[in-house]
């Protein structure tokens, strides 16, 4: 389960047995929300949220910050997805300390 980013106390992960569509798990304390990246013809058209099976969704304020982060970093998240799941490379976590 590689950790991708930490931002405002929210940790962003892939699980080792992931599937399409490209998505990232956002965790804060005991909360977790999944953010799916929806592409059409190679262009991001939407970011959709859904509940993870492992607990309650992120509180509204943290969910808003997490979605803002995913929208800002979607291209890097996609690059990390391809590196980890397709090219089988190790992922290095990054800590983002400046608020978007």
PDB file of N, CA and C in Angstrom:
ATOM      1  N   UNK A   1       0.849  -1.178   0.000  1.00  0.00           N
ATOM      2  CA  UNK A   1       0.000   0.000   0.000  1.00  0.00           C
ATOM      3  C   UNK A   1       0.889   1.234   0.000  1.00  0.00           C
ATOM      4  N   UNK A   2       1.301   1.691  -1.164  1.00  0.00           N
ATOM      5  CA  UNK A   2       2.211   2.843  -1.195  1.00  0.00           C
ATOM      6  C   UNK A   2       1.507   4.158  -0.859  1.00  0.00           C
ATOM      7  N   UNK A   3       2.179   4.927  -0.037  1.00  0.00           N
ATOM      8  CA  UNK A   3       1.717   6.270   0.301  1.00  0.00           C
ATOM      9  C   UNK A   3       2.270   7.216  -0.755  1.00  0.00           C
ATOM     10  N   UNK A   4       1.410   8.087  -1.289  1.00  0.00           N
ATOM     11  CA  UNK A   4       1.825   9.014  -2.331  1.00  0.00           C
ATOM     12  C   UNK A   4       2.157  10.389  -1.769  1.00  0.00           C
ATOM     13  N   UNK A   5       1.222  10.914  -0.994  1.00  0.00           N
ATOM     14  CA  UNK A   5       1.334  12.286  -0.497  1.00  0.00           C
ATOM     15  C   UNK A   5       0.783  12.382   0.910  1.00  0.00           C
ATOM     16  N   UNK A   6       1.248  13.414   1.604  1.00  0.00           N
ATOM     17  CA  UNK A   6       0.624  13.849   2.839  1.00  0.00           C
ATOM     18  C   UNK A   6       0.392  15.341   2.694  1.00  0.00           C
ATOM     19  N   UNK A   7      -0.842  15.760   2.957  1.00  0.00           N
ATOM     20  CA  UNK A   7      -1.238  17.154   2.776  1.00  0.00           C
ATOM     21  C   UNK A   7      -2.263  17.525   3.838  1.00  0.00           C
ATOM     22  N   UNK A   8      -1.949  18.494   4.674  1.00  0.00           N
ATOM     23  CA  UNK A   8      -2.832  18.963   5.740  1.00  0.00           C
ATOM     24  C   UNK A   8      -3.319  17.817   6.632  1.00  0.00           C
ATOM     25  N   UNK A   9      -2.450  16.876   6.900  1.00  0.00           N
ATOM     26  CA  UNK A   9      -2.808  15.742   7.738  1.00  0.00           C
ATOM     27  C   UNK A   9      -3.545  14.633   7.012  1.00  0.00           C
ATOM     28  N   UNK A  10      -3.811  14.820   5.731  1.00  0.00           N
ATOM     29  CA  UNK A  10      -4.494  13.818   4.917  1.00  0.00           C
ATOM     30  C   UNK A  10      -3.432  13.008   4.178  1.00  0.00           C
ATOM     31  N   UNK A  11      -3.516  11.695   4.288  1.00  0.00           N
ATOM     32  CA  UNK A  11      -2.577  10.816   3.581  1.00  0.00           C
ATOM     33  C   UNK A  11      -3.283  10.237   2.358  1.00  0.00           C
ATOM     34  N   UNK A  12      -2.571  10.244   1.235  1.00  0.00           N
ATOM     35  CA  UNK A  12      -3.105   9.727  -0.030  1.00  0.00           C
ATOM     36  C   UNK A  12      -2.345   8.451  -0.381  1.00  0.00           C
ATOM     37  N   UNK A  13      -3.097   7.375  -0.651  1.00  0.00           N
ATOM     38  CA  UNK A  13      -2.540   6.038  -0.876  1.00  0.00           C
ATOM     39  C   UNK A  13      -3.112   5.374  -2.120  1.00  0.00           C
ATOM     40  N   UNK A  14      -2.355   4.423  -2.626  1.00  0.00           N
ATOM     41  CA  UNK A  14      -2.884   3.382  -3.510  1.00  0.00           C
ATOM     42  C   UNK A  14      -2.913   2.118  -2.671  1.00  0.00           C
ATOM     43  N   UNK A  15      -3.841   1.236  -2.932  1.00  0.00           N
ATOM     44  CA  UNK A  15      -3.800  -0.106  -2.348  1.00  0.00           C
ATOM     45  C   UNK A  15      -3.094  -0.999  -3.352  1.00  0.00           C
ATOM     46  N   UNK A  16      -2.471  -2.049  -2.886  1.00  0.00           N
ATOM     47  CA  UNK A  16      -1.654  -2.910  -3.745  1.00  0.00           C
ATOM     48  C   UNK A  16      -2.465  -3.674  -4.786  1.00  0.00           C
ATOM     49  N   UNK A  17      -3.745  -3.891  -4.559  1.00  0.00           N
ATOM     50  CA  UNK A  17      -4.571  -4.658  -5.498  1.00  0.00           C
ATOM     51  C   UNK A  17      -5.586  -3.764  -6.214  1.00  0.00           C
ATOM     52  N   UNK A  18      -5.155  -2.624  -6.685  1.00  0.00           N
ATOM     53  CA  UNK A  18      -6.051  -1.638  -7.293  1.00  0.00           C
ATOM     54  C   UNK A  18      -6.587  -2.072  -8.651  1.00  0.00           C
ATOM     55  N   UNK A  19      -7.515  -1.299  -9.143  1.00  0.00           N
ATOM     56  CA  UNK A  19      -8.218  -1.552 -10.397  1.00  0.00           C
ATOM     57  C   UNK A  19      -8.580  -0.203 -11.006  1.00  0.00           C
ATOM     58  N   UNK A  20      -8.955  -0.224 -12.252  1.00  0.00           N
ATOM     59  CA  UNK A  20      -9.419   0.998 -12.905  1.00  0.00           C
ATOM     60  C   UNK A  20     -10.843   1.308 -12.451  1.00  0.00           C
ATOM     61  N   UNK A  21     -11.266   2.556 -12.484  1.00  0.00           N
ATOM     62  CA  UNK A  21     -10.549   3.737 -12.950  1.00  0.00           C
ATOM     63  C   UNK A  21      -9.448   4.145 -11.970  1.00  0.00           C
ATOM     64  N   UNK A  22      -8.539   4.963 -12.461  1.00  0.00           N
ATOM     65  CA  UNK A  22      -7.467   5.475 -11.617  1.00  0.00           C
ATOM     66  C   UNK A  22      -8.114   6.193 -10.437  1.00  0.00           C
ATOM     67  N   UNK A  23      -7.673   5.855  -9.249  1.00  0.00           N
ATOM     68  CA  UNK A  23      -8.223   6.486  -8.052  1.00  0.00           C
ATOM     69  C   UNK A  23      -7.181   6.473  -6.942  1.00  0.00           C
ATOM     70  N   UNK A  24      -7.446   7.282  -5.939  1.00  0.00           N
ATOM     71  CA  UNK A  24      -6.555   7.403  -4.794  1.00  0.00           C
ATOM     72  C   UNK A  24      -7.411   7.388  -3.533  1.00  0.00           C
ATOM     73  N   UNK A  25      -6.883   6.748  -2.491  1.00  0.00           N
ATOM     74  CA  UNK A  25      -7.553   6.707  -1.191  1.00  0.00           C
ATOM     75  C   UNK A  25      -7.011   7.850  -0.352  1.00  0.00           C
ATOM     76  N   UNK A  26      -7.897   8.632   0.242  1.00  0.00           N
ATOM     77  CA  UNK A  26      -7.500   9.738   1.114  1.00  0.00           C
ATOM     78  C   UNK A  26      -7.922   9.377   2.535  1.00  0.00           C
ATOM     79  N   UNK A  27      -6.948   9.381   3.452  1.00  0.00           N
ATOM     80  CA  UNK A  27      -7.215   9.025   4.844  1.00  0.00           C
ATOM     81  C   UNK A  27      -6.872  10.190   5.764  1.00  0.00           C
ATOM     82  N   UNK A  28      -7.738  10.353   6.758  1.00  0.00           N
ATOM     83  CA  UNK A  28      -7.496  11.318   7.835  1.00  0.00           C
ATOM     84  C   UNK A  28      -8.060  10.676   9.100  1.00  0.00           C
ATOM     85  N   UNK A  29      -7.187  10.394  10.061  1.00  0.00           N
ATOM     86  CA  UNK A  29      -7.564   9.672  11.274  1.00  0.00           C
ATOM     87  C   UNK A  29      -8.274   8.377  10.893  1.00  0.00           C
ATOM     88  N   UNK A  30      -9.511   8.147  11.352  1.00  0.00           N
ATOM     89  CA  UNK A  30     -10.212   6.904  11.027  1.00  0.00           C
ATOM     90  C   UNK A  30     -11.089   7.038   9.783  1.00  0.00           C
ATOM     91  N   UNK A  31     -11.018   8.163   9.095  1.00  0.00           N
ATOM     92  CA  UNK A  31     -11.878   8.446   7.942  1.00  0.00           C
ATOM     93  C   UNK A  31     -11.156   8.132   6.634  1.00  0.00           C
ATOM     94  N   UNK A  32     -11.932   7.765   5.624  1.00  0.00           N
ATOM     95  CA  UNK A  32     -11.337   7.478   4.319  1.00  0.00           C
ATOM     96  C   UNK A  32     -12.372   7.725   3.212  1.00  0.00           C
ATOM     97  N   UNK A  33     -11.916   8.363   2.157  1.00  0.00           N
ATOM     98  CA  UNK A  33     -12.735   8.593   0.967  1.00  0.00           C
ATOM     99  C   UNK A  33     -11.883   8.251  -0.249  1.00  0.00           C
ATOM    100  N   UNK A  34     -12.516   7.703  -1.264  1.00  0.00           N
ATOM    101  CA  UNK A  34     -11.836   7.375  -2.514  1.00  0.00           C
ATOM    102  C   UNK A  34     -12.182   8.451  -3.532  1.00  0.00           C
ATOM    103  N   UNK A  35     -11.153   8.921  -4.242  1.00  0.00           N
ATOM    104  CA  UNK A  35     -11.330   9.911  -5.297  1.00  0.00           C
ATOM    105  C   UNK A  35     -10.953   9.266  -6.622  1.00  0.00           C
ATOM    106  N   UNK A  36     -11.933   9.158  -7.521  1.00  0.00           N
ATOM    107  CA  UNK A  36     -11.711   8.562  -8.835  1.00  0.00           C
ATOM    108  C   UNK A  36     -11.464   9.658  -9.861  1.00  0.00           C
ATOM    109  N   UNK A  37     -10.457   9.454 -10.699  1.00  0.00           N
ATOM    110  CA  UNK A  37     -10.134  10.384 -11.776  1.00  0.00           C
ATOM    111  C   UNK A  37     -10.831   9.884 -13.035  1.00  0.00           C
ATOM    112  N   UNK A  38     -11.719  10.695 -13.566  1.00  0.00           N
ATOM    113  CA  UNK A  38     -12.498  10.313 -14.746  1.00  0.00           C
ATOM    114  C   UNK A  38     -11.927  11.053 -15.958  1.00  0.00           C
ATOM    115  N   UNK A  39     -11.412  10.262 -16.885  1.00  0.00           N
ATOM    116  CA  UNK A  39     -10.809  10.803 -18.101  1.00  0.00           C
ATOM    117  C   UNK A  39     -11.679  10.489 -19.310  1.00  0.00           C
ATOM    118  N   UNK A  40     -11.635  11.397 -20.283  1.00  0.00           N
ATOM    119  CA  UNK A  40     -12.256  11.164 -21.584  1.00  0.00           C
ATOM    120  C   UNK A  40     -11.278  11.661 -22.640  1.00  0.00           C
ATOM    121  N   UNK A  41     -10.875  10.776 -23.515  1.00  0.00           N
ATOM    122  CA  UNK A  41      -9.908  11.107 -24.561  1.00  0.00           C
ATOM    123  C   UNK A  41      -8.640  11.737 -23.987  1.00  0.00           C
ATOM    124  N   UNK A  42      -8.179  11.206 -22.856  1.00  0.00           N
ATOM    125  CA  UNK A  42      -6.939  11.678 -22.259  1.00  0.00           C
ATOM    126  C   UNK A  42      -7.040  12.965 -21.466  1.00  0.00           C
ATOM    127  N   UNK A  43      -8.249  13.515 -21.316  1.00  0.00           N
ATOM    128  CA  UNK A  43      -8.458  14.759 -20.577  1.00  0.00           C
ATOM    129  C   UNK A  43      -9.270  14.477 -19.324  1.00  0.00           C
ATOM    130  N   UNK A  44      -8.827  15.015 -18.188  1.00  0.00           N
ATOM    131  CA  UNK A  44      -9.581  14.854 -16.959  1.00  0.00           C
ATOM    132  C   UNK A  44     -10.889  15.624 -17.087  1.00  0.00           C
ATOM    133  N   UNK A  45     -11.997  14.929 -16.904  1.00  0.00           N
ATOM    134  CA  UNK A  45     -13.300  15.612 -16.998  1.00  0.00           C
ATOM    135  C   UNK A  45     -14.013  15.693 -15.654  1.00  0.00           C
ATOM    136  N   UNK A  46     -13.601  14.856 -14.688  1.00  0.00           N
ATOM    137  CA  UNK A  46     -14.281  14.890 -13.396  1.00  0.00           C
ATOM    138  C   UNK A  46     -13.447  14.154 -12.349  1.00  0.00           C
ATOM    139  N   UNK A  47     -13.697  14.506 -11.099  1.00  0.00           N
ATOM    140  CA  UNK A  47     -13.176  13.770  -9.948  1.00  0.00           C
ATOM    141  C   UNK A  47     -14.393  13.370  -9.137  1.00  0.00           C
ATOM    142  N   UNK A  48     -14.611  12.078  -8.982  1.00  0.00           N
ATOM    143  CA  UNK A  48     -15.777  11.583  -8.256  1.00  0.00           C
ATOM    144  C   UNK A  48     -15.341  10.974  -6.935  1.00  0.00           C
ATOM    145  N   UNK A  49     -16.168  11.192  -5.922  1.00  0.00           N
ATOM    146  CA  UNK A  49     -15.892  10.663  -4.589  1.00  0.00           C
ATOM    147  C   UNK A  49     -16.779   9.459  -4.326  1.00  0.00           C
ATOM    148  N   UNK A  50     -16.215   8.519  -3.575  1.00  0.00           N
ATOM    149  CA  UNK A  50     -17.036   7.407  -3.103  1.00  0.00           C
ATOM    150  C   UNK A  50     -16.489   6.913  -1.771  1.00  0.00           C
ATOM    151  N   UNK A  51     -17.347   6.233  -1.056  1.00  0.00           N
ATOM    152  CA  UNK A  51     -16.994   5.686   0.252  1.00  0.00           C
ATOM    153  C   UNK A  51     -16.086   4.478   0.086  1.00  0.00           C
ATOM    154  N   UNK A  52     -15.147   4.381   0.983  1.00  0.00           N
ATOM    155  CA  UNK A  52     -14.316   3.183   1.052  1.00  0.00           C
ATOM    156  C   UNK A  52     -15.022   2.188   1.967  1.00  0.00           C
ATOM    157  N   UNK A  53     -14.705   0.933   1.834  1.00  0.00           N
ATOM    158  CA  UNK A  53     -15.317  -0.071   2.687  1.00  0.00           C
ATOM    159  C   UNK A  53     -14.768  -0.090   4.098  1.00  0.00           C
ATOM    160  N   UNK A  54     -13.757   0.712   4.379  1.00  0.00           N
ATOM    161  CA  UNK A  54     -13.077   0.610   5.675  1.00  0.00           C
ATOM    162  C   UNK A  54     -13.334   1.794   6.600  1.00  0.00           C
ATOM    163  N   UNK A  55     -14.569   2.206   6.750  1.00  0.00           N
ATOM    164  CA  UNK A  55     -14.870   3.256   7.719  1.00  0.00           C
ATOM    165  C   UNK A  55     -15.623   4.419   7.122  1.00  0.00           C
ATOM    166  N   UNK A  56     -15.883   5.432   7.955  1.00  0.00           N
ATOM    167  CA  UNK A  56     -16.657   6.588   7.503  1.00  0.00           C
ATOM    168  C   UNK A  56     -15.865   7.480   6.544  1.00  0.00           C
ATOM    169  N   UNK A  57     -16.595   8.245   5.737  1.00  0.00           N
ATOM    170  CA  UNK A  57     -15.960   9.167   4.795  1.00  0.00           C
ATOM    171  C   UNK A  57     -15.316  10.327   5.551  1.00  0.00           C
ATOM    172  N   UNK A  58     -14.390  10.996   4.868  1.00  0.00           N
ATOM    173  CA  UNK A  58     -13.729  12.159   5.461  1.00  0.00           C
ATOM    174  C   UNK A  58     -14.768  13.196   5.871  1.00  0.00           C
ATOM    175  N   UNK A  59     -14.521  13.914   6.961  1.00  0.00           N
ATOM    176  CA  UNK A  59     -15.401  15.027   7.316  1.00  0.00           C
ATOM    177  C   UNK A  59     -15.439  16.043   6.165  1.00  0.00           C
ATOM    178  N   UNK A  60     -16.517  16.774   6.045  1.00  0.00           N
ATOM    179  CA  UNK A  60     -16.753  17.665   4.901  1.00  0.00           C
ATOM    180  C   UNK A  60     -15.576  18.599   4.609  1.00  0.00           C
ATOM    181  N   UNK A  61     -15.026  19.246   5.622  1.00  0.00           N
ATOM    182  CA  UNK A  61     -13.919  20.186   5.407  1.00  0.00           C
ATOM    183  C   UNK A  61     -12.682  19.470   4.851  1.00  0.00           C
ATOM    184  N   UNK A  62     -12.350  18.314   5.415  1.00  0.00           N
ATOM    185  CA  UNK A  62     -11.190  17.545   4.937  1.00  0.00           C
ATOM    186  C   UNK A  62     -11.462  16.962   3.554  1.00  0.00           C
ATOM    187  N   UNK A  63     -12.705  16.563   3.293  1.00  0.00           N
ATOM    188  CA  UNK A  63     -13.061  16.030   1.975  1.00  0.00           C
ATOM    189  C   UNK A  63     -12.892  17.107   0.900  1.00  0.00           C
ATOM    190  N   UNK A  64     -13.289  18.326   1.228  1.00  0.00           N
ATOM    191  CA  UNK A  64     -13.143  19.452   0.291  1.00  0.00           C
ATOM    192  C   UNK A  64     -11.661  19.725   0.010  1.00  0.00           C
ATOM    193  N   UNK A  65     -10.835  19.722   1.059  1.00  0.00           N
ATOM    194  CA  UNK A  65      -9.391  19.941   0.890  1.00  0.00           C
ATOM    195  C   UNK A  65      -8.763  18.807   0.092  1.00  0.00           C
ATOM    196  N   UNK A  66      -9.190  17.580   0.368  1.00  0.00           N
ATOM    197  CA  UNK A  66      -8.642  16.422  -0.354  1.00  0.00           C
ATOM    198  C   UNK A  66      -9.000  16.499  -1.835  1.00  0.00           C
ATOM    199  N   UNK A  67     -10.240  16.847  -2.148  1.00  0.00           N
ATOM    200  CA  UNK A  67     -10.632  16.952  -3.560  1.00  0.00           C
ATOM    201  C   UNK A  67      -9.863  18.078  -4.250  1.00  0.00           C
ATOM    202  N   UNK A  68      -9.691  19.182  -3.569  1.00  0.00           N
ATOM    203  CA  UNK A  68      -8.907  20.293  -4.118  1.00  0.00           C
ATOM    204  C   UNK A  68      -7.487  19.824  -4.446  1.00  0.00           C
ATOM    205  N   UNK A  69      -6.900  19.043  -3.535  1.00  0.00           N
ATOM    206  CA  UNK A  69      -5.560  18.512  -3.743  1.00  0.00           C
ATOM    207  C   UNK A  69      -5.536  17.568  -4.945  1.00  0.00           C
ATOM    208  N   UNK A  70      -6.494  16.652  -5.013  1.00  0.00           N
ATOM    209  CA  UNK A  70      -6.544  15.683  -6.112  1.00  0.00           C
ATOM    210  C   UNK A  70      -6.691  16.409  -7.442  1.00  0.00           C
ATOM    211  N   UNK A  71      -7.518  17.433  -7.501  1.00  0.00           N
ATOM    212  CA  UNK A  71      -7.687  18.195  -8.748  1.00  0.00           C
ATOM    213  C   UNK A  71      -6.400  18.921  -9.134  1.00  0.00           C
ATOM    214  N   UNK A  72      -5.657  19.386  -8.148  1.00  0.00           N
ATOM    215  CA  UNK A  72      -4.400  20.094  -8.428  1.00  0.00           C
ATOM    216  C   UNK A  72      -3.278  19.132  -8.816  1.00  0.00           C
ATOM    217  N   UNK A  73      -3.295  17.912  -8.276  1.00  0.00           N
ATOM    218  CA  UNK A  73      -2.209  16.946  -8.477  1.00  0.00           C
ATOM    219  C   UNK A  73      -2.613  15.748  -9.320  1.00  0.00           C
ATOM    220  N   UNK A  74      -3.735  15.825 -10.026  1.00  0.00           N
ATOM    221  CA  UNK A  74      -4.233  14.651 -10.762  1.00  0.00           C
ATOM    222  C   UNK A  74      -3.206  14.107 -11.750  1.00  0.00           C
ATOM    223  N   UNK A  75      -2.462  14.988 -12.417  1.00  0.00           N
ATOM    224  CA  UNK A  75      -1.483  14.513 -13.399  1.00  0.00           C
ATOM    225  C   UNK A  75      -0.356  13.737 -12.720  1.00  0.00           C
ATOM    226  N   UNK A  76       0.075  14.198 -11.554  1.00  0.00           N
ATOM    227  CA  UNK A  76       1.134  13.501 -10.813  1.00  0.00           C
ATOM    228  C   UNK A  76       0.615  12.201 -10.204  1.00  0.00           C
ATOM    229  N   UNK A  77      -0.644  12.204  -9.763  1.00  0.00           N
ATOM    230  CA  UNK A  77      -1.255  10.973  -9.246  1.00  0.00           C
ATOM    231  C   UNK A  77      -1.311   9.929 -10.364  1.00  0.00           C
ATOM    232  N   UNK A  78      -1.702  10.362 -11.555  1.00  0.00           N
ATOM    233  CA  UNK A  78      -1.775   9.456 -12.703  1.00  0.00           C
ATOM    234  C   UNK A  78      -0.387   8.921 -13.059  1.00  0.00           C
ATOM    235  N   UNK A  79       0.615   9.773 -13.032  1.00  0.00           N
ATOM    236  CA  UNK A  79       1.992   9.330 -13.299  1.00  0.00           C
ATOM    237  C   UNK A  79       2.426   8.280 -12.282  1.00  0.00           C
ATOM    238  N   UNK A  80       2.102   8.499 -11.016  1.00  0.00           N
ATOM    239  CA  UNK A  80       2.474   7.544  -9.972  1.00  0.00           C
ATOM    240  C   UNK A  80       1.707   6.235 -10.149  1.00  0.00           C
ATOM    241  N   UNK A  81       0.440   6.307 -10.574  1.00  0.00           N
ATOM    242  CA  UNK A  81      -0.351   5.102 -10.844  1.00  0.00           C
ATOM    243  C   UNK A  81       0.331   4.265 -11.928  1.00  0.00           C
ATOM    244  N   UNK A  82       0.696   4.932 -13.025  1.00  0.00           N
ATOM    245  CA  UNK A  82       1.344   4.229 -14.135  1.00  0.00           C
ATOM    246  C   UNK A  82       2.694   3.651 -13.706  1.00  0.00           C
ATOM    247  N   UNK A  83       3.461   4.424 -12.943  1.00  0.00           N
ATOM    248  CA  UNK A  83       4.772   3.939 -12.490  1.00  0.00           C
ATOM    249  C   UNK A  83       4.616   2.714 -11.589  1.00  0.00           C
ATOM    250  N   UNK A  84       3.661   2.749 -10.676  1.00  0.00           N
ATOM    251  CA  UNK A  84       3.514   1.657  -9.718  1.00  0.00           C
ATOM    252  C   UNK A  84       2.831   0.432 -10.318  1.00  0.00           C
ATOM    253  N   UNK A  85       1.699   0.627 -10.984  1.00  0.00           N
ATOM    254  CA  UNK A  85       0.913  -0.522 -11.437  1.00  0.00           C
ATOM    255  C   UNK A  85       1.327  -1.059 -12.805  1.00  0.00           C
ATOM    256  N   UNK A  86       1.851  -0.207 -13.663  1.00  0.00           N
ATOM    257  CA  UNK A  86       2.231  -0.671 -15.003  1.00  0.00           C
ATOM    258  C   UNK A  86       3.731  -0.962 -15.083  1.00  0.00           C
ATOM    259  N   UNK A  87       4.540  -0.010 -14.627  1.00  0.00           N
ATOM    260  CA  UNK A  87       5.994  -0.170 -14.719  1.00  0.00           C
ATOM    261  C   UNK A  87       6.601  -0.871 -13.502  1.00  0.00           C
ATOM    262  N   UNK A  88       5.784  -1.110 -12.483  1.00  0.00           N
ATOM    263  CA  UNK A  88       6.211  -1.831 -11.276  1.00  0.00           C
ATOM    264  C   UNK A  88       7.388  -1.154 -10.567  1.00  0.00           C
ATOM    265  N   UNK A  89       7.347   0.175 -10.512  1.00  0.00           N
ATOM    266  CA  UNK A  89       8.382   0.947  -9.839  1.00  0.00           C
ATOM    267  C   UNK A  89       7.937   1.293  -8.415  1.00  0.00           C
ATOM    268  N   UNK A  90       8.922   1.536  -7.573  1.00  0.00           N
ATOM    269  CA  UNK A  90       8.645   1.953  -6.206  1.00  0.00           C
ATOM    270  C   UNK A  90       8.204   3.418  -6.208  1.00  0.00           C
ATOM    271  N   UNK A  91       7.281   3.737  -5.322  1.00  0.00           N
ATOM    272  CA  UNK A  91       6.757   5.105  -5.225  1.00  0.00           C
ATOM    273  C   UNK A  91       7.326   5.764  -3.973  1.00  0.00           C
ATOM    274  N   UNK A  92       7.762   6.999  -4.114  1.00  0.00           N
ATOM    275  CA  UNK A  92       8.262   7.771  -2.981  1.00  0.00           C
ATOM    276  C   UNK A  92       7.193   8.758  -2.536  1.00  0.00           C
ATOM    277  N   UNK A  93       6.888   8.745  -1.256  1.00  0.00           N
ATOM    278  CA  UNK A  93       5.884   9.660  -0.709  1.00  0.00           C
ATOM    279  C   UNK A  93       6.445  11.074  -0.634  1.00  0.00           C
ATOM    280  N   UNK A  94       5.549  12.037  -0.815  1.00  0.00           N
ATOM    281  CA  UNK A  94       5.921  13.449  -0.728  1.00  0.00           C
ATOM    282  C   UNK A  94       5.032  14.123   0.301  1.00  0.00           C
ATOM    283  N   UNK A  95       5.617  15.030   1.071  1.00  0.00           N
ATOM    284  CA  UNK A  95       4.851  15.829   2.017  1.00  0.00           C
ATOM    285  C   UNK A  95       4.689  17.222   1.430  1.00  0.00           C
ATOM    286  N   UNK A  96       3.452  17.628   1.263  1.00  0.00           N
ATOM    287  CA  UNK A  96       3.138  18.965   0.738  1.00  0.00           C
ATOM    288  C   UNK A  96       2.758  19.824   1.934  1.00  0.00           C
ATOM    289  N   UNK A  97       3.568  20.833   2.211  1.00  0.00           N
ATOM    290  CA  UNK A  97       3.356  21.643   3.414  1.00  0.00           C
ATOM    291  C   UNK A  97       2.684  22.977   3.137  1.00  0.00           C
ATOM    292  N   UNK A  98       2.664  23.403   1.899  1.00  0.00           N
ATOM    293  CA  UNK A  98       2.048  24.679   1.574  1.00  0.00           C
ATOM    294  C   UNK A  98       0.605  24.460   1.129  1.00  0.00           C
ATOM    295  N   UNK A  99      -0.320  25.168   1.753  1.00  0.00           N
ATOM    296  CA  UNK A  99      -1.734  25.015   1.437  1.00  0.00           C
ATOM    297  C   UNK A  99      -2.013  25.527   0.025  1.00  0.00           C
ATOM    298  N   UNK A 100      -2.831  24.776  -0.688  1.00  0.00           N
ATOM    299  CA  UNK A 100      -3.191  25.151  -2.067  1.00  0.00           C
ATOM    300  C   UNK A 100      -4.107  26.359  -2.060  1.00  0.00           C
TER     301      UNK A 100
END
